Amino acid sequence: MNGMDPYRGRKKPLEDRFILDLGWIPDGDTEGEFKLVLLKNEKWEDPVKSFRSRQKSVIVDEIEQWLF
């Protein structure tokens, strides 16, 4: 190749896509917890990883571990 990104201006193939989803469950419940999910290929029914905690700092640490 000539050093150019072959995907420039196009979506990457589905197998290269990851989603890191963070939410609070149950929604709006002060007694709830954070839920962190890593997905590949948009397969919500089969996450690569998932993690739950009530503490923001614990969630941040987990995200850092997953990303780095």
N, C-alpha and C. Protein backbone atom coordinates (compact mmCIF):
# COMPACT_ATOMS: atom_id res chain seq x y z
N MET A 1 0.84 -1.19 0.00
CA MET A 1 0.00 0.00 0.00
C MET A 1 0.87 1.24 0.00
N ASN A 2 0.29 2.34 -0.26
CA ASN A 2 1.03 3.59 -0.37
C ASN A 2 1.05 4.37 0.93
N GLY A 3 0.86 3.71 2.08
CA GLY A 3 0.88 4.38 3.37
C GLY A 3 -0.44 5.02 3.76
N MET A 4 -1.44 4.92 2.91
CA MET A 4 -2.75 5.50 3.23
C MET A 4 -3.59 4.49 3.99
N ASP A 5 -4.46 5.01 4.83
CA ASP A 5 -5.39 4.17 5.58
C ASP A 5 -6.41 3.59 4.61
N PRO A 6 -6.48 2.25 4.48
CA PRO A 6 -7.42 1.65 3.52
C PRO A 6 -8.88 1.88 3.90
N TYR A 7 -9.14 2.28 5.17
CA TYR A 7 -10.51 2.49 5.62
C TYR A 7 -10.90 3.97 5.65
N ARG A 8 -10.01 4.82 5.22
CA ARG A 8 -10.29 6.25 5.28
C ARG A 8 -11.59 6.58 4.55
N GLY A 9 -12.48 7.21 5.28
CA GLY A 9 -13.76 7.59 4.69
C GLY A 9 -14.77 6.47 4.64
N ARG A 10 -14.40 5.28 5.14
CA ARG A 10 -15.33 4.15 5.16
C ARG A 10 -15.36 3.56 6.56
N LYS A 11 -16.43 2.88 6.86
CA LYS A 11 -16.51 2.19 8.15
C LYS A 11 -15.59 0.98 8.12
N LYS A 12 -14.98 0.70 9.29
CA LYS A 12 -14.15 -0.49 9.40
C LYS A 12 -15.04 -1.74 9.34
N PRO A 13 -14.47 -2.87 8.96
CA PRO A 13 -15.25 -4.11 8.98
C PRO A 13 -15.80 -4.37 10.38
N LEU A 14 -16.93 -4.99 10.45
CA LEU A 14 -17.63 -5.22 11.70
C LEU A 14 -16.75 -5.93 12.72
N GLU A 15 -15.90 -6.86 12.31
CA GLU A 15 -15.09 -7.62 13.26
C GLU A 15 -14.06 -6.75 13.98
N ASP A 16 -13.83 -5.55 13.51
CA ASP A 16 -12.87 -4.63 14.13
C ASP A 16 -13.55 -3.64 15.08
N ARG A 17 -14.84 -3.75 15.28
CA ARG A 17 -15.57 -2.77 16.07
C ARG A 17 -15.79 -3.24 17.51
N PHE A 18 -15.47 -2.34 18.42
CA PHE A 18 -15.74 -2.58 19.83
C PHE A 18 -16.56 -1.44 20.39
N ILE A 19 -17.41 -1.74 21.35
CA ILE A 19 -18.23 -0.75 22.03
C ILE A 19 -17.96 -0.90 23.52
N LEU A 20 -17.67 0.22 24.17
CA LEU A 20 -17.54 0.25 25.62
C LEU A 20 -18.74 1.03 26.13
N ASP A 21 -19.64 0.34 26.82
CA ASP A 21 -20.89 0.93 27.26
C ASP A 21 -20.88 1.06 28.79
N LEU A 22 -21.22 2.24 29.26
CA LEU A 22 -21.31 2.48 30.70
C LEU A 22 -22.68 3.06 31.00
N GLY A 23 -23.36 2.46 31.96
CA GLY A 23 -24.67 2.95 32.34
C GLY A 23 -24.88 2.81 33.84
N TRP A 24 -25.99 3.34 34.29
CA TRP A 24 -26.40 3.23 35.70
C TRP A 24 -27.68 2.41 35.72
N ILE A 25 -27.67 1.32 36.51
CA ILE A 25 -28.86 0.47 36.56
C ILE A 25 -29.30 0.24 37.99
N PRO A 26 -30.58 0.14 38.25
CA PRO A 26 -31.65 0.59 37.35
C PRO A 26 -31.61 2.11 37.15
N ASP A 27 -31.98 2.53 35.98
CA ASP A 27 -31.95 3.93 35.59
C ASP A 27 -32.69 4.80 36.61
N GLY A 28 -31.99 5.80 37.12
CA GLY A 28 -32.61 6.76 38.04
C GLY A 28 -32.71 6.30 39.48
N ASP A 29 -32.31 5.10 39.78
CA ASP A 29 -32.41 4.55 41.14
C ASP A 29 -31.15 4.90 41.93
N THR A 30 -31.30 5.64 43.02
CA THR A 30 -30.15 6.04 43.83
C THR A 30 -29.47 4.85 44.51
N GLU A 31 -30.13 3.73 44.57
CA GLU A 31 -29.56 2.51 45.14
C GLU A 31 -28.93 1.62 44.07
N GLY A 32 -28.87 2.10 42.85
CA GLY A 32 -28.34 1.31 41.74
C GLY A 32 -26.83 1.26 41.71
N GLU A 33 -26.29 0.87 40.56
CA GLU A 33 -24.85 0.74 40.39
C GLU A 33 -24.48 0.99 38.93
N PHE A 34 -23.19 1.27 38.72
CA PHE A 34 -22.67 1.39 37.36
C PHE A 34 -22.56 -0.01 36.76
N LYS A 35 -22.84 -0.09 35.47
CA LYS A 35 -22.63 -1.33 34.73
C LYS A 35 -21.78 -1.00 33.51
N LEU A 36 -20.63 -1.66 33.41
CA LEU A 36 -19.69 -1.46 32.32
C LEU A 36 -19.67 -2.72 31.47
N VAL A 37 -19.80 -2.54 30.15
CA VAL A 37 -19.85 -3.69 29.24
C VAL A 37 -18.96 -3.42 28.03
N LEU A 38 -18.19 -4.43 27.64
CA LEU A 38 -17.38 -4.37 26.42
C LEU A 38 -17.98 -5.34 25.42
N LEU A 39 -18.31 -4.80 24.25
CA LEU A 39 -18.94 -5.60 23.19
C LEU A 39 -18.04 -5.67 21.97
N LYS A 40 -18.12 -6.76 21.26
CA LYS A 40 -17.46 -6.91 19.96
C LYS A 40 -18.53 -7.26 18.95
N ASN A 41 -18.46 -6.59 17.81
CA ASN A 41 -19.41 -6.84 16.71
C ASN A 41 -20.85 -6.53 17.09
N GLU A 42 -21.03 -5.60 18.02
CA GLU A 42 -22.37 -5.18 18.45
C GLU A 42 -23.21 -6.34 18.98
N LYS A 43 -22.57 -7.35 19.56
CA LYS A 43 -23.27 -8.52 20.10
C LYS A 43 -23.63 -8.27 21.56
N TRP A 44 -24.75 -7.61 21.78
CA TRP A 44 -25.21 -7.28 23.13
C TRP A 44 -25.53 -8.53 23.93
N GLU A 45 -25.91 -9.59 23.26
CA GLU A 45 -26.27 -10.83 23.96
C GLU A 45 -25.05 -11.64 24.40
N ASP A 46 -23.86 -11.26 23.93
CA ASP A 46 -22.65 -12.02 24.24
C ASP A 46 -21.48 -11.06 24.47
N PRO A 47 -21.50 -10.31 25.59
CA PRO A 47 -20.43 -9.33 25.84
C PRO A 47 -19.07 -10.00 26.05
N VAL A 48 -18.02 -9.30 25.67
CA VAL A 48 -16.65 -9.77 25.89
C VAL A 48 -16.34 -9.73 27.38
N LYS A 49 -16.72 -8.63 28.03
CA LYS A 49 -16.53 -8.44 29.46
C LYS A 49 -17.68 -7.62 30.02
N SER A 50 -17.92 -7.78 31.31
CA SER A 50 -18.85 -6.89 32.00
C SER A 50 -18.38 -6.73 33.44
N PHE A 51 -18.76 -5.61 34.04
CA PHE A 51 -18.31 -5.28 35.38
C PHE A 51 -19.33 -4.34 36.02
N ARG A 52 -19.52 -4.48 37.32
CA ARG A 52 -20.46 -3.61 38.04
C ARG A 52 -19.83 -3.09 39.32
N SER A 53 -20.15 -1.85 39.65
CA SER A 53 -19.71 -1.26 40.91
C SER A 53 -20.55 -0.02 41.20
N ARG A 54 -20.63 0.32 42.47
CA ARG A 54 -21.31 1.54 42.88
C ARG A 54 -20.33 2.71 42.93
N GLN A 55 -19.05 2.42 42.91
CA GLN A 55 -18.03 3.45 43.11
C GLN A 55 -17.43 3.92 41.78
N LYS A 56 -17.51 5.22 41.56
CA LYS A 56 -16.98 5.82 40.34
C LYS A 56 -15.50 5.51 40.15
N SER A 57 -14.70 5.64 41.20
CA SER A 57 -13.26 5.41 41.09
C SER A 57 -12.93 3.98 40.68
N VAL A 58 -13.73 3.03 41.14
CA VAL A 58 -13.52 1.62 40.77
C VAL A 58 -13.84 1.42 39.29
N ILE A 59 -14.89 2.06 38.81
CA ILE A 59 -15.26 1.98 37.39
C ILE A 59 -14.16 2.60 36.53
N VAL A 60 -13.65 3.76 36.94
CA VAL A 60 -12.58 4.42 36.18
C VAL A 60 -11.35 3.52 36.11
N ASP A 61 -10.98 2.90 37.22
CA ASP A 61 -9.84 1.98 37.23
C ASP A 61 -10.07 0.80 36.29
N GLU A 62 -11.28 0.27 36.28
CA GLU A 62 -11.59 -0.87 35.41
C GLU A 62 -11.52 -0.47 33.94
N ILE A 63 -12.04 0.70 33.61
CA ILE A 63 -11.97 1.19 32.22
C ILE A 63 -10.51 1.33 31.80
N GLU A 64 -9.69 1.88 32.67
CA GLU A 64 -8.27 2.04 32.34
C GLU A 64 -7.60 0.70 32.11
N GLN A 65 -7.94 -0.31 32.89
CA GLN A 65 -7.38 -1.64 32.70
C GLN A 65 -7.80 -2.22 31.36
N TRP A 66 -9.06 -2.04 31.01
CA TRP A 66 -9.57 -2.58 29.74
C TRP A 66 -8.93 -1.90 28.54
N LEU A 67 -8.66 -0.59 28.66
CA LEU A 67 -8.17 0.17 27.51
C LEU A 67 -6.65 0.16 27.38
N PHE A 68 -5.96 -0.01 28.48
CA PHE A 68 -4.50 0.09 28.43
C PHE A 68 -3.94 -1.18 28.91
